[in-house]
Structures are given as structure tokens and as C-alpha cells.
Amino acid sequence: MRTVTKLPRTAHNRQSVFQQAMAASDGNVFCKVCNKTVTGKQQALECDECQRWTHRLCGTGVTLADYRMKMKVVRNGGDFEWICPSCIRDAAEQAEQADDIGDPQFESTRVDGLLCRR
């Protein structure tokens, strides 16, 4: 799958970002969660991390009021960052794995009945 060149989300280019995604994927953009086609008329968000689209109702955690507020910001020339739950979960797991590496633990062994620490 080809990636879509990121453009700032503004009123005139939100649709063009979606159209660019459609062109890069041979006319079909699929929801990361349900794998159904995302159309330009549906409420969907593009993840700033993986650049995949997700229908608002497919577990994004974005309410209709929040979505409308974000689109109002976009229409007024603003921008917003959104990272999908899957990428957030992946980042948390990577951080947890990095924490698990930490300092080595002491090992204990018995040598001739004595407890030695290394």
C-alpha cells in the first residue's frame, strides 16, 4: 500500500487529503477497524501515526460533538492531531517493553552450602 503525502488539514484540503488517499489506493480507502470502504461523506479520521482512516463510530472514542468541533477548527484553517487507539496501544506496549529491560536482577547460587550473590 502506498502512503499518502501529509498535508495540513485545512478547509480546502481535508477533502483533497481524502481524495489523495483514494487515488493512492486505487479508489478505495478502507477503515482500519471494520475494513469497510470509507467515503468522503462519512465521518472518518486519519491517524497521524499510521496514516490509515477509521470511521468515527468504529471505536475512535470521538463523540459526534468532538468530531464537529474538530471539523469546525479545520474549516477555520486550523489543524488537529489524532492518533488511533491501535497506534496508542502499540506505543504503550513498546514503552512497557522498554521498561521491562531495566537493570539486571541479582542472581543467587549456592556454592558449598554458602549463598553467593553475583
PDB file of N, CA and C in Angstrom:
ATOM      1  N   MET A   1       0.843  -1.165   0.000  1.00  0.00           N
ATOM      2  CA  MET A   1       0.000   0.000   0.000  1.00  0.00           C
ATOM      3  C   MET A   1       0.895   1.238   0.000  1.00  0.00           C
ATOM      4  N   ARG A   2       0.574   2.191  -0.868  1.00  0.00           N
ATOM      5  CA  ARG A   2       1.331   3.426  -0.918  1.00  0.00           C
ATOM      6  C   ARG A   2       0.862   4.367   0.172  1.00  0.00           C
ATOM      7  N   THR A   3       1.767   5.219   0.647  1.00  0.00           N
ATOM      8  CA  THR A   3       1.386   6.163   1.681  1.00  0.00           C
ATOM      9  C   THR A   3       0.922   7.460   1.042  1.00  0.00           C
ATOM     10  N   VAL A   4       0.144   8.202   1.797  1.00  0.00           N
ATOM     11  CA  VAL A   4      -0.414   9.460   1.327  1.00  0.00           C
ATOM     12  C   VAL A   4       0.456  10.583   1.856  1.00  0.00           C
ATOM     13  N   THR A   5       0.800  11.526   0.993  1.00  0.00           N
ATOM     14  CA  THR A   5       1.562  12.687   1.434  1.00  0.00           C
ATOM     15  C   THR A   5       0.704  13.479   2.401  1.00  0.00           C
ATOM     16  N   LYS A   6       1.265  13.791   3.560  1.00  0.00           N
ATOM     17  CA  LYS A   6       0.515  14.506   4.579  1.00  0.00           C
ATOM     18  C   LYS A   6       0.435  15.984   4.218  1.00  0.00           C
ATOM     19  N   LEU A   7      -0.751  16.513   4.280  1.00  0.00           N
ATOM     20  CA  LEU A   7      -0.983  17.937   4.104  1.00  0.00           C
ATOM     21  C   LEU A   7      -1.639  18.455   5.362  1.00  0.00           C
ATOM     22  N   PRO A   8      -1.409  19.735   5.717  1.00  0.00           N
ATOM     23  CA  PRO A   8      -2.134  20.262   6.870  1.00  0.00           C
ATOM     24  C   PRO A   8      -3.627  20.202   6.598  1.00  0.00           C
ATOM     25  N   ARG A   9      -4.410  19.872   7.606  1.00  0.00           N
ATOM     26  CA  ARG A   9      -5.854  19.783   7.416  1.00  0.00           C
ATOM     27  C   ARG A   9      -6.443  21.186   7.461  1.00  0.00           C
ATOM     28  N   THR A  10      -6.832  21.684   6.319  1.00  0.00           N
ATOM     29  CA  THR A  10      -7.499  22.976   6.256  1.00  0.00           C
ATOM     30  C   THR A  10      -8.816  22.782   5.541  1.00  0.00           C
ATOM     31  N   ALA A  11      -9.641  23.819   5.555  1.00  0.00           N
ATOM     32  CA  ALA A  11     -10.974  23.706   4.965  1.00  0.00           C
ATOM     33  C   ALA A  11     -10.914  23.269   3.510  1.00  0.00           C
ATOM     34  N   HIS A  12      -9.983  23.795   2.743  1.00  0.00           N
ATOM     35  CA  HIS A  12      -9.961  23.461   1.323  1.00  0.00           C
ATOM     36  C   HIS A  12      -9.246  22.160   1.018  1.00  0.00           C
ATOM     37  N   ASN A  13      -8.469  21.615   1.954  1.00  0.00           N
ATOM     38  CA  ASN A  13      -7.741  20.408   1.573  1.00  0.00           C
ATOM     39  C   ASN A  13      -8.090  19.152   2.352  1.00  0.00           C
ATOM     40  N   ARG A  14      -9.024  19.215   3.325  1.00  0.00           N
ATOM     41  CA  ARG A  14      -9.408  17.984   4.010  1.00  0.00           C
ATOM     42  C   ARG A  14      -9.937  16.978   3.004  1.00  0.00           C
ATOM     43  N   GLN A  15     -10.798  17.463   2.105  1.00  0.00           N
ATOM     44  CA  GLN A  15     -11.338  16.584   1.073  1.00  0.00           C
ATOM     45  C   GLN A  15     -10.231  16.142   0.124  1.00  0.00           C
ATOM     46  N   SER A  16      -9.282  17.036  -0.184  1.00  0.00           N
ATOM     47  CA  SER A  16      -8.216  16.650  -1.111  1.00  0.00           C
ATOM     48  C   SER A  16      -7.291  15.610  -0.482  1.00  0.00           C
ATOM     49  N   VAL A  17      -7.083  15.658   0.841  1.00  0.00           N
ATOM     50  CA  VAL A  17      -6.283  14.625   1.505  1.00  0.00           C
ATOM     51  C   VAL A  17      -6.978  13.281   1.346  1.00  0.00           C
ATOM     52  N   PHE A  18      -8.302  13.265   1.538  1.00  0.00           N
ATOM     53  CA  PHE A  18      -9.058  12.022   1.371  1.00  0.00           C
ATOM     54  C   PHE A  18      -9.003  11.561  -0.086  1.00  0.00           C
ATOM     55  N   GLN A  19      -9.175  12.490  -1.024  1.00  0.00           N
ATOM     56  CA  GLN A  19      -9.119  12.126  -2.444  1.00  0.00           C
ATOM     57  C   GLN A  19      -7.738  11.602  -2.816  1.00  0.00           C
ATOM     58  N   GLN A  20      -6.695  12.179  -2.233  1.00  0.00           N
ATOM     59  CA  GLN A  20      -5.340  11.706  -2.484  1.00  0.00           C
ATOM     60  C   GLN A  20      -5.165  10.283  -1.947  1.00  0.00           C
ATOM     61  N   ALA A  21      -5.741  10.027  -0.774  1.00  0.00           N
ATOM     62  CA  ALA A  21      -5.687   8.675  -0.210  1.00  0.00           C
ATOM     63  C   ALA A  21      -6.419   7.700  -1.111  1.00  0.00           C
ATOM     64  N   MET A  22      -7.559   8.125  -1.647  1.00  0.00           N
ATOM     65  CA  MET A  22      -8.328   7.262  -2.562  1.00  0.00           C
ATOM     66  C   MET A  22      -7.506   6.962  -3.818  1.00  0.00           C
ATOM     67  N   ALA A  23      -6.862   7.970  -4.366  1.00  0.00           N
ATOM     68  CA  ALA A  23      -6.083   7.774  -5.588  1.00  0.00           C
ATOM     69  C   ALA A  23      -4.902   6.840  -5.336  1.00  0.00           C
ATOM     70  N   ALA A  24      -4.263   6.981  -4.183  1.00  0.00           N
ATOM     71  CA  ALA A  24      -3.103   6.145  -3.864  1.00  0.00           C
ATOM     72  C   ALA A  24      -3.488   4.691  -3.639  1.00  0.00           C
ATOM     73  N   SER A  25      -4.754   4.449  -3.326  1.00  0.00           N
ATOM     74  CA  SER A  25      -5.184   3.077  -3.049  1.00  0.00           C
ATOM     75  C   SER A  25      -6.140   2.558  -4.112  1.00  0.00           C
ATOM     76  N   ASP A  26      -5.975   3.033  -5.328  1.00  0.00           N
ATOM     77  CA  ASP A  26      -6.797   2.588  -6.458  1.00  0.00           C
ATOM     78  C   ASP A  26      -8.286   2.831  -6.225  1.00  0.00           C
ATOM     79  N   GLY A  27      -8.629   3.938  -5.585  1.00  0.00           N
ATOM     80  CA  GLY A  27     -10.024   4.329  -5.436  1.00  0.00           C
ATOM     81  C   GLY A  27     -10.723   3.806  -4.202  1.00  0.00           C
ATOM     82  N   ASN A  28     -10.044   3.044  -3.365  1.00  0.00           N
ATOM     83  CA  ASN A  28     -10.678   2.516  -2.159  1.00  0.00           C
ATOM     84  C   ASN A  28      -9.841   2.843  -0.931  1.00  0.00           C
ATOM     85  N   VAL A  29     -10.478   3.458   0.044  1.00  0.00           N
ATOM     86  CA  VAL A  29      -9.865   3.687   1.344  1.00  0.00           C
ATOM     87  C   VAL A  29     -10.688   2.862   2.318  1.00  0.00           C
ATOM     88  N   PHE A  30     -10.026   2.007   3.077  1.00  0.00           N
ATOM     89  CA  PHE A  30     -10.734   1.114   3.984  1.00  0.00           C
ATOM     90  C   PHE A  30     -10.501   1.522   5.432  1.00  0.00           C
ATOM     91  N   CYS A  31     -11.540   1.357   6.229  1.00  0.00           N
ATOM     92  CA  CYS A  31     -11.470   1.630   7.659  1.00  0.00           C
ATOM     93  C   CYS A  31     -10.497   0.636   8.293  1.00  0.00           C
ATOM     94  N   LYS A  32      -9.624   1.137   9.140  1.00  0.00           N
ATOM     95  CA  LYS A  32      -8.626   0.295   9.806  1.00  0.00           C
ATOM     96  C   LYS A  32      -9.282  -0.739  10.713  1.00  0.00           C
ATOM     97  N   VAL A  33     -10.476  -0.423  11.235  1.00  0.00           N
ATOM     98  CA  VAL A  33     -11.136  -1.304  12.198  1.00  0.00           C
ATOM     99  C   VAL A  33     -12.072  -2.294  11.512  1.00  0.00           C
ATOM    100  N   CYS A  34     -13.016  -1.786  10.707  1.00  0.00           N
ATOM    101  CA  CYS A  34     -14.039  -2.669  10.133  1.00  0.00           C
ATOM    102  C   CYS A  34     -13.724  -3.138   8.715  1.00  0.00           C
ATOM    103  N   ASN A  35     -12.698  -2.572   8.097  1.00  0.00           N
ATOM    104  CA  ASN A  35     -12.284  -2.902   6.735  1.00  0.00           C
ATOM    105  C   ASN A  35     -13.336  -2.604   5.676  1.00  0.00           C
ATOM    106  N   LYS A  36     -14.332  -1.800   6.024  1.00  0.00           N
ATOM    107  CA  LYS A  36     -15.311  -1.364   5.028  1.00  0.00           C
ATOM    108  C   LYS A  36     -14.814  -0.072   4.387  1.00  0.00           C
ATOM    109  N   THR A  37     -15.316   0.218   3.196  1.00  0.00           N
ATOM    110  CA  THR A  37     -14.905   1.408   2.472  1.00  0.00           C
ATOM    111  C   THR A  37     -15.290   2.672   3.245  1.00  0.00           C
ATOM    112  N   VAL A  38     -14.377   3.618   3.259  1.00  0.00           N
ATOM    113  CA  VAL A  38     -14.636   4.936   3.837  1.00  0.00           C
ATOM    114  C   VAL A  38     -14.887   5.871   2.664  1.00  0.00           C
ATOM    115  N   THR A  39     -16.000   6.573   2.698  1.00  0.00           N
ATOM    116  CA  THR A  39     -16.304   7.531   1.635  1.00  0.00           C
ATOM    117  C   THR A  39     -16.097   8.943   2.149  1.00  0.00           C
ATOM    118  N   GLY A  40     -15.996   9.886   1.219  1.00  0.00           N
ATOM    119  CA  GLY A  40     -15.781  11.279   1.567  1.00  0.00           C
ATOM    120  C   GLY A  40     -16.924  11.898   2.346  1.00  0.00           C
ATOM    121  N   LYS A  41     -18.084  11.277   2.304  1.00  0.00           N
ATOM    122  CA  LYS A  41     -19.245  11.822   3.008  1.00  0.00           C
ATOM    123  C   LYS A  41     -19.413  11.237   4.412  1.00  0.00           C
ATOM    124  N   GLN A  42     -18.614  10.255   4.747  1.00  0.00           N
ATOM    125  CA  GLN A  42     -18.711   9.645   6.070  1.00  0.00           C
ATOM    126  C   GLN A  42     -17.815  10.369   7.062  1.00  0.00           C
ATOM    127  N   GLN A  43     -18.159  10.238   8.333  1.00  0.00           N
ATOM    128  CA  GLN A  43     -17.333  10.810   9.387  1.00  0.00           C
ATOM    129  C   GLN A  43     -16.188   9.842   9.652  1.00  0.00           C
ATOM    130  N   ALA A  44     -14.992  10.271   9.284  1.00  0.00           N
ATOM    131  CA  ALA A  44     -13.821   9.416   9.452  1.00  0.00           C
ATOM    132  C   ALA A  44     -12.624  10.286   9.809  1.00  0.00           C
ATOM    133  N   LEU A  45     -11.648   9.673  10.447  1.00  0.00           N
ATOM    134  CA  LEU A  45     -10.441  10.371  10.872  1.00  0.00           C
ATOM    135  C   LEU A  45      -9.229   9.628  10.349  1.00  0.00           C
ATOM    136  N   GLU A  46      -8.208  10.378   9.971  1.00  0.00           N
ATOM    137  CA  GLU A  46      -6.962   9.790   9.525  1.00  0.00           C
ATOM    138  C   GLU A  46      -5.963   9.850  10.675  1.00  0.00           C
ATOM    139  N   CYS A  47      -5.378   8.718  11.009  1.00  0.00           N
ATOM    140  CA  CYS A  47      -4.401   8.646  12.100  1.00  0.00           C
ATOM    141  C   CYS A  47      -3.111   9.341  11.674  1.00  0.00           C
ATOM    142  N   ASP A  48      -2.610  10.220  12.538  1.00  0.00           N
ATOM    143  CA  ASP A  48      -1.364  10.924  12.246  1.00  0.00           C
ATOM    144  C   ASP A  48      -0.144  10.017  12.379  1.00  0.00           C
ATOM    145  N   GLU A  49      -0.321   8.860  12.980  1.00  0.00           N
ATOM    146  CA  GLU A  49       0.793   7.928  13.163  1.00  0.00           C
ATOM    147  C   GLU A  49       0.894   6.947  11.986  1.00  0.00           C
ATOM    148  N   CYS A  50      -0.192   6.225  11.702  1.00  0.00           N
ATOM    149  CA  CYS A  50      -0.152   5.176  10.666  1.00  0.00           C
ATOM    150  C   CYS A  50      -0.755   5.624   9.330  1.00  0.00           C
ATOM    151  N   GLN A  51      -1.357   6.810   9.297  1.00  0.00           N
ATOM    152  CA  GLN A  51      -1.983   7.376   8.092  1.00  0.00           C
ATOM    153  C   GLN A  51      -3.117   6.511   7.537  1.00  0.00           C
ATOM    154  N   ARG A  52      -3.760   5.739   8.401  1.00  0.00           N
ATOM    155  CA  ARG A  52      -4.925   4.947   7.969  1.00  0.00           C
ATOM    156  C   ARG A  52      -6.183   5.628   8.490  1.00  0.00           C
ATOM    157  N   TRP A  53      -7.271   5.413   7.796  1.00  0.00           N
ATOM    158  CA  TRP A  53      -8.545   6.045   8.131  1.00  0.00           C
ATOM    159  C   TRP A  53      -9.375   5.122   9.002  1.00  0.00           C
ATOM    160  N   THR A  54     -10.188   5.727   9.878  1.00  0.00           N
ATOM    161  CA  THR A  54     -11.100   4.990  10.745  1.00  0.00           C
ATOM    162  C   THR A  54     -12.417   5.735  10.806  1.00  0.00           C
ATOM    163  N   HIS A  55     -13.523   4.998  10.591  1.00  0.00           N
ATOM    164  CA  HIS A  55     -14.839   5.607  10.786  1.00  0.00           C
ATOM    165  C   HIS A  55     -14.947   6.100  12.227  1.00  0.00           C
ATOM    166  N   ARG A  56     -15.561   7.231  12.431  1.00  0.00           N
ATOM    167  CA  ARG A  56     -15.707   7.772  13.778  1.00  0.00           C
ATOM    168  C   ARG A  56     -16.389   6.774  14.693  1.00  0.00           C
ATOM    169  N   LEU A  57     -17.354   6.031  14.181  1.00  0.00           N
ATOM    170  CA  LEU A  57     -18.124   5.094  15.003  1.00  0.00           C
ATOM    171  C   LEU A  57     -17.429   3.743  15.217  1.00  0.00           C
ATOM    172  N   CYS A  58     -16.264   3.562  14.654  1.00  0.00           N
ATOM    173  CA  CYS A  58     -15.543   2.286  14.795  1.00  0.00           C
ATOM    174  C   CYS A  58     -14.525   2.347  15.934  1.00  0.00           C
ATOM    175  N   GLY A  59     -14.959   2.765  17.089  1.00  0.00           N
ATOM    176  CA  GLY A  59     -14.109   2.712  18.267  1.00  0.00           C
ATOM    177  C   GLY A  59     -13.058   3.805  18.368  1.00  0.00           C
ATOM    178  N   THR A  60     -13.294   4.962  17.750  1.00  0.00           N
ATOM    179  CA  THR A  60     -12.306   6.039  17.824  1.00  0.00           C
ATOM    180  C   THR A  60     -12.334   6.749  19.168  1.00  0.00           C
ATOM    181  N   GLY A  61     -13.460   6.668  19.861  1.00  0.00           N
ATOM    182  CA  GLY A  61     -13.606   7.405  21.110  1.00  0.00           C
ATOM    183  C   GLY A  61     -13.947   8.866  20.888  1.00  0.00           C
ATOM    184  N   VAL A  62     -14.179   9.246  19.641  1.00  0.00           N
ATOM    185  CA  VAL A  62     -14.513  10.628  19.309  1.00  0.00           C
ATOM    186  C   VAL A  62     -16.035  10.753  19.224  1.00  0.00           C
ATOM    187  N   THR A  63     -16.595  11.605  20.079  1.00  0.00           N
ATOM    188  CA  THR A  63     -18.044  11.810  20.057  1.00  0.00           C
ATOM    189  C   THR A  63     -18.422  12.654  18.847  1.00  0.00           C
ATOM    190  N   LEU A  64     -19.705  12.673  18.537  1.00  0.00           N
ATOM    191  CA  LEU A  64     -20.186  13.500  17.430  1.00  0.00           C
ATOM    192  C   LEU A  64     -19.869  14.970  17.701  1.00  0.00           C
ATOM    193  N   ALA A  65     -20.061  15.407  18.940  1.00  0.00           N
ATOM    194  CA  ALA A  65     -19.770  16.803  19.287  1.00  0.00           C
ATOM    195  C   ALA A  65     -18.279  17.113  19.095  1.00  0.00           C
ATOM    196  N   ASP A  66     -17.401  16.201  19.530  1.00  0.00           N
ATOM    197  CA  ASP A  66     -15.959  16.397  19.345  1.00  0.00           C
ATOM    198  C   ASP A  66     -15.599  16.423  17.859  1.00  0.00           C
ATOM    199  N   TYR A  67     -16.200  15.514  17.093  1.00  0.00           N
ATOM    200  CA  TYR A  67     -15.919  15.455  15.662  1.00  0.00           C
ATOM    201  C   TYR A  67     -16.323  16.765  14.997  1.00  0.00           C
ATOM    202  N   ARG A  68     -17.524  17.256  15.330  1.00  0.00           N
ATOM    203  CA  ARG A  68     -17.986  18.522  14.743  1.00  0.00           C
ATOM    204  C   ARG A  68     -17.071  19.678  15.139  1.00  0.00           C
ATOM    205  N   MET A  69     -16.609  19.673  16.381  1.00  0.00           N
ATOM    206  CA  MET A  69     -15.706  20.723  16.832  1.00  0.00           C
ATOM    207  C   MET A  69     -14.387  20.662  16.051  1.00  0.00           C
ATOM    208  N   LYS A  70     -13.855  19.459  15.848  1.00  0.00           N
ATOM    209  CA  LYS A  70     -12.611  19.305  15.091  1.00  0.00           C
ATOM    210  C   LYS A  70     -12.795  19.765  13.648  1.00  0.00           C
ATOM    211  N   MET A  71     -13.921  19.436  13.040  1.00  0.00           N
ATOM    212  CA  MET A  71     -14.167  19.850  11.665  1.00  0.00           C
ATOM    213  C   MET A  71     -14.346  21.368  11.574  1.00  0.00           C
ATOM    214  N   LYS A  72     -14.907  21.981  12.608  1.00  0.00           N
ATOM    215  CA  LYS A  72     -15.037  23.444  12.629  1.00  0.00           C
ATOM    216  C   LYS A  72     -13.657  24.088  12.676  1.00  0.00           C
ATOM    217  N   VAL A  73     -12.766  23.517  13.474  1.00  0.00           N
ATOM    218  CA  VAL A  73     -11.385  24.006  13.542  1.00  0.00           C
ATOM    219  C   VAL A  73     -10.740  23.905  12.158  1.00  0.00           C
ATOM    220  N   VAL A  74     -10.952  22.774  11.485  1.00  0.00           N
ATOM    221  CA  VAL A  74     -10.391  22.562  10.148  1.00  0.00           C
ATOM    222  C   VAL A  74     -10.957  23.580   9.162  1.00  0.00           C
ATOM    223  N   ARG A  75     -12.264  23.789   9.202  1.00  0.00           N
ATOM    224  CA  ARG A  75     -12.890  24.760   8.288  1.00  0.00           C
ATOM    225  C   ARG A  75     -12.349  26.170   8.501  1.00  0.00           C
ATOM    226  N   ASN A  76     -11.921  26.462   9.721  1.00  0.00           N
ATOM    227  CA  ASN A  76     -11.373  27.785  10.028  1.00  0.00           C
ATOM    228  C   ASN A  76      -9.865  27.857   9.808  1.00  0.00           C
ATOM    229  N   GLY A  77      -9.307  26.846   9.133  1.00  0.00           N
ATOM    230  CA  GLY A  77      -7.887  26.868   8.785  1.00  0.00           C
ATOM    231  C   GLY A  77      -6.973  26.248   9.830  1.00  0.00           C
ATOM    232  N   GLY A  78      -7.546  25.669  10.871  1.00  0.00           N
ATOM    233  CA  GLY A  78      -6.732  25.067  11.922  1.00  0.00           C
ATOM    234  C   GLY A  78      -6.347  23.637  11.616  1.00  0.00           C
ATOM    235  N   ASP A  79      -5.751  23.018  12.584  1.00  0.00           N
ATOM    236  CA  ASP A  79      -5.280  21.649  12.449  1.00  0.00           C
ATOM    237  C   ASP A  79      -5.534  20.932  13.768  1.00  0.00           C
ATOM    238  N   PHE A  80      -5.554  19.636  13.751  1.00  0.00           N
ATOM    239  CA  PHE A  80      -5.659  18.852  14.976  1.00  0.00           C
ATOM    240  C   PHE A  80      -4.892  17.562  14.778  1.00  0.00           C
ATOM    241  N   GLU A  81      -4.464  17.000  15.874  1.00  0.00           N
ATOM    242  CA  GLU A  81      -3.745  15.736  15.826  1.00  0.00           C
ATOM    243  C   GLU A  81      -4.659  14.653  16.355  1.00  0.00           C
ATOM    244  N   TRP A  82      -4.685  13.518  15.667  1.00  0.00           N
ATOM    245  CA  TRP A  82      -5.458  12.381  16.144  1.00  0.00           C
ATOM    246  C   TRP A  82      -4.650  11.122  15.886  1.00  0.00           C
ATOM    247  N   ILE A  83      -4.510  10.321  16.918  1.00  0.00           N
ATOM    248  CA  ILE A  83      -3.818   9.037  16.805  1.00  0.00           C
ATOM    249  C   ILE A  83      -4.825   7.953  17.163  1.00  0.00           C
ATOM    250  N   CYS A  84      -4.938   6.954  16.320  1.00  0.00           N
ATOM    251  CA  CYS A  84      -5.940   5.907  16.507  1.00  0.00           C
ATOM    252  C   CYS A  84      -5.623   5.065  17.755  1.00  0.00           C
ATOM    253  N   PRO A  85      -6.652   4.461  18.343  1.00  0.00           N
ATOM    254  CA  PRO A  85      -6.446   3.632  19.533  1.00  0.00           C
ATOM    255  C   PRO A  85      -5.422   2.516  19.323  1.00  0.00           C
ATOM    256  N   SER A  86      -5.356   1.961  18.135  1.00  0.00           N
ATOM    257  CA  SER A  86      -4.411   0.883  17.848  1.00  0.00           C
ATOM    258  C   SER A  86      -2.964   1.385  17.961  1.00  0.00           C
ATOM    259  N   CYS A  87      -2.686   2.557  17.412  1.00  0.00           N
ATOM    260  CA  CYS A  87      -1.329   3.108  17.492  1.00  0.00           C
ATOM    261  C   CYS A  87      -0.992   3.537  18.917  1.00  0.00           C
ATOM    262  N   ILE A  88      -1.975   4.035  19.659  1.00  0.00           N
ATOM    263  CA  ILE A  88      -1.755   4.398  21.059  1.00  0.00           C
ATOM    264  C   ILE A  88      -1.402   3.147  21.858  1.00  0.00           C
ATOM    265  N   ARG A  89      -2.143   2.072  21.616  1.00  0.00           N
ATOM    266  CA  ARG A  89      -1.901   0.800  22.306  1.00  0.00           C
ATOM    267  C   ARG A  89      -0.514   0.257  21.956  1.00  0.00           C
ATOM    268  N   ASP A  90      -0.138   0.330  20.677  1.00  0.00           N
ATOM    269  CA  ASP A  90       1.186  -0.146  20.250  1.00  0.00           C
ATOM    270  C   ASP A  90       2.295   0.648  20.934  1.00  0.00           C
ATOM    271  N   ALA A  91       2.129   1.969  21.024  1.00  0.00           N
ATOM    272  CA  ALA A  91       3.144   2.811  21.670  1.00  0.00           C
ATOM    273  C   ALA A  91       3.255   2.480  23.157  1.00  0.00           C
ATOM    274  N   ALA A  92       2.115   2.224  23.804  1.00  0.00           N
ATOM    275  CA  ALA A  92       2.125   1.875  25.227  1.00  0.00           C
ATOM    276  C   ALA A  92       2.829   0.537  25.451  1.00  0.00           C
ATOM    277  N   GLU A  93       2.576  -0.433  24.573  1.00  0.00           N
ATOM    278  CA  GLU A  93       3.229  -1.740  24.685  1.00  0.00           C
ATOM    279  C   GLU A  93       4.742  -1.626  24.480  1.00  0.00           C
ATOM    280  N   GLN A  94       5.155  -0.794  23.530  1.00  0.00           N
ATOM    281  CA  GLN A  94       6.586  -0.600  23.296  1.00  0.00           C
ATOM    282  C   GLN A  94       7.237   0.063  24.496  1.00  0.00           C
ATOM    283  N   ALA A  95       6.560   1.030  25.097  1.00  0.00           N
ATOM    284  CA  ALA A  95       7.099   1.705  26.281  1.00  0.00           C
ATOM    285  C   ALA A  95       7.206   0.723  27.445  1.00  0.00           C
ATOM    286  N   GLU A  96       6.197  -0.141  27.580  1.00  0.00           N
ATOM    287  CA  GLU A  96       6.213  -1.142  28.654  1.00  0.00           C
ATOM    288  C   GLU A  96       7.366  -2.129  28.460  1.00  0.00           C
ATOM    289  N   GLN A  97       7.578  -2.548  27.220  1.00  0.00           N
ATOM    290  CA  GLN A  97       8.682  -3.469  26.939  1.00  0.00           C
ATOM    291  C   GLN A  97      10.022  -2.809  27.226  1.00  0.00           C
ATOM    292  N   ALA A  98      10.142  -1.529  26.926  1.00  0.00           N
ATOM    293  CA  ALA A  98      11.384  -0.809  27.200  1.00  0.00           C
ATOM    294  C   ALA A  98      11.623  -0.725  28.709  1.00  0.00           C
ATOM    295  N   ASP A  99      10.552  -0.549  29.493  1.00  0.00           N
ATOM    296  CA  ASP A  99      10.673  -0.504  30.947  1.00  0.00           C
ATOM    297  C   ASP A  99      11.076  -1.862  31.509  1.00  0.00           C
ATOM    298  N   ASP A 100      10.618  -2.948  30.882  1.00  0.00           N
ATOM    299  CA  ASP A 100      10.924  -4.291  31.361  1.00  0.00           C
ATOM    300  C   ASP A 100      12.406  -4.633  31.224  1.00  0.00           C
ATOM    301  N   ILE A 101      13.092  -3.991  30.312  1.00  0.00           N
ATOM    302  CA  ILE A 101      14.504  -4.289  30.091  1.00  0.00           C
ATOM    303  C   ILE A 101      15.302  -3.873  31.319  1.00  0.00           C
ATOM    304  N   GLY A 102      15.126  -2.662  31.816  1.00  0.00           N
ATOM    305  CA  GLY A 102      15.676  -2.156  33.068  1.00  0.00           C
ATOM    306  C   GLY A 102      17.012  -2.726  33.510  1.00  0.00           C
ATOM    307  N   ASP A 103      17.299  -2.595  34.806  1.00  0.00           N
ATOM    308  CA  ASP A 103      18.541  -3.097  35.395  1.00  0.00           C
ATOM    309  C   ASP A 103      18.455  -4.601  35.614  1.00  0.00           C
ATOM    310  N   PRO A 104      19.595  -5.293  35.482  1.00  0.00           N
ATOM    311  CA  PRO A 104      19.573  -6.742  35.713  1.00  0.00           C
ATOM    312  C   PRO A 104      19.299  -7.045  37.184  1.00  0.00           C
ATOM    313  N   GLN A 105      18.628  -8.133  37.425  1.00  0.00           N
ATOM    314  CA  GLN A 105      18.335  -8.574  38.792  1.00  0.00           C
ATOM    315  C   GLN A 105      19.507  -9.406  39.306  1.00  0.00           C
ATOM    316  N   PHE A 106      19.680  -9.407  40.624  1.00  0.00           N
ATOM    317  CA  PHE A 106      20.727 -10.233  41.216  1.00  0.00           C
ATOM    318  C   PHE A 106      20.362 -11.692  41.062  1.00  0.00           C
ATOM    319  N   GLU A 107      21.372 -12.492  40.803  1.00  0.00           N
ATOM    320  CA  GLU A 107      21.178 -13.932  40.747  1.00  0.00           C
ATOM    321  C   GLU A 107      21.846 -14.526  41.980  1.00  0.00           C
ATOM    322  N   SER A 108      21.252 -15.520  42.530  1.00  0.00           N
ATOM    323  CA  SER A 108      21.886 -16.166  43.678  1.00  0.00           C
ATOM    324  C   SER A 108      22.129 -17.634  43.357  1.00  0.00           C
ATOM    325  N   THR A 109      23.255 -18.112  43.821  1.00  0.00           N
ATOM    326  CA  THR A 109      23.598 -19.523  43.656  1.00  0.00           C
ATOM    327  C   THR A 109      24.216 -20.019  44.954  1.00  0.00           C
ATOM    328  N   ARG A 110      24.116 -21.296  45.169  1.00  0.00           N
ATOM    329  CA  ARG A 110      24.747 -21.884  46.353  1.00  0.00           C
ATOM    330  C   ARG A 110      26.043 -22.550  45.923  1.00  0.00           C
ATOM    331  N   VAL A 111      27.088 -22.237  46.662  1.00  0.00           N
ATOM    332  CA  VAL A 111      28.384 -22.862  46.412  1.00  0.00           C
ATOM    333  C   VAL A 111      28.842 -23.453  47.734  1.00  0.00           C
ATOM    334  N   ASP A 112      28.942 -24.747  47.777  1.00  0.00           N
ATOM    335  CA  ASP A 112      29.353 -25.447  49.013  1.00  0.00           C
ATOM    336  C   ASP A 112      28.579 -24.978  50.225  1.00  0.00           C
ATOM    337  N   GLY A 113      27.278 -24.865  50.060  1.00  0.00           N
ATOM    338  CA  GLY A 113      26.430 -24.511  51.189  1.00  0.00           C
ATOM    339  C   GLY A 113      26.389 -23.037  51.503  1.00  0.00           C
ATOM    340  N   LEU A 114      27.167 -22.220  50.796  1.00  0.00           N
ATOM    341  CA  LEU A 114      27.153 -20.773  51.032  1.00  0.00           C
ATOM    342  C   LEU A 114      26.297 -20.108  49.947  1.00  0.00           C
ATOM    343  N   LEU A 115      25.636 -19.070  50.323  1.00  0.00           N
ATOM    344  CA  LEU A 115      24.829 -18.321  49.361  1.00  0.00           C
ATOM    345  C   LEU A 115      25.691 -17.173  48.831  1.00  0.00           C
ATOM    346  N   CYS A 116      25.907 -17.178  47.566  1.00  0.00           N
ATOM    347  CA  CYS A 116      26.721 -16.129  46.938  1.00  0.00           C
ATOM    348  C   CYS A 116      25.847 -15.296  46.019  1.00  0.00           C
ATOM    349  N   ARG A 117      26.074 -13.998  46.034  1.00  0.00           N
ATOM    350  CA  ARG A 117      25.342 -13.116  45.105  1.00  0.00           C
ATOM    351  C   ARG A 117      26.302 -12.627  44.030  1.00  0.00           C
ATOM    352  N   ARG A 118      25.789 -12.583  42.837  1.00  0.00           N
ATOM    353  CA  ARG A 118      26.577 -12.038  41.733  1.00  0.00           C
ATOM    354  C   ARG A 118      25.990 -10.716  41.339  1.00  0.00           C
TER     355      ARG A 118
END
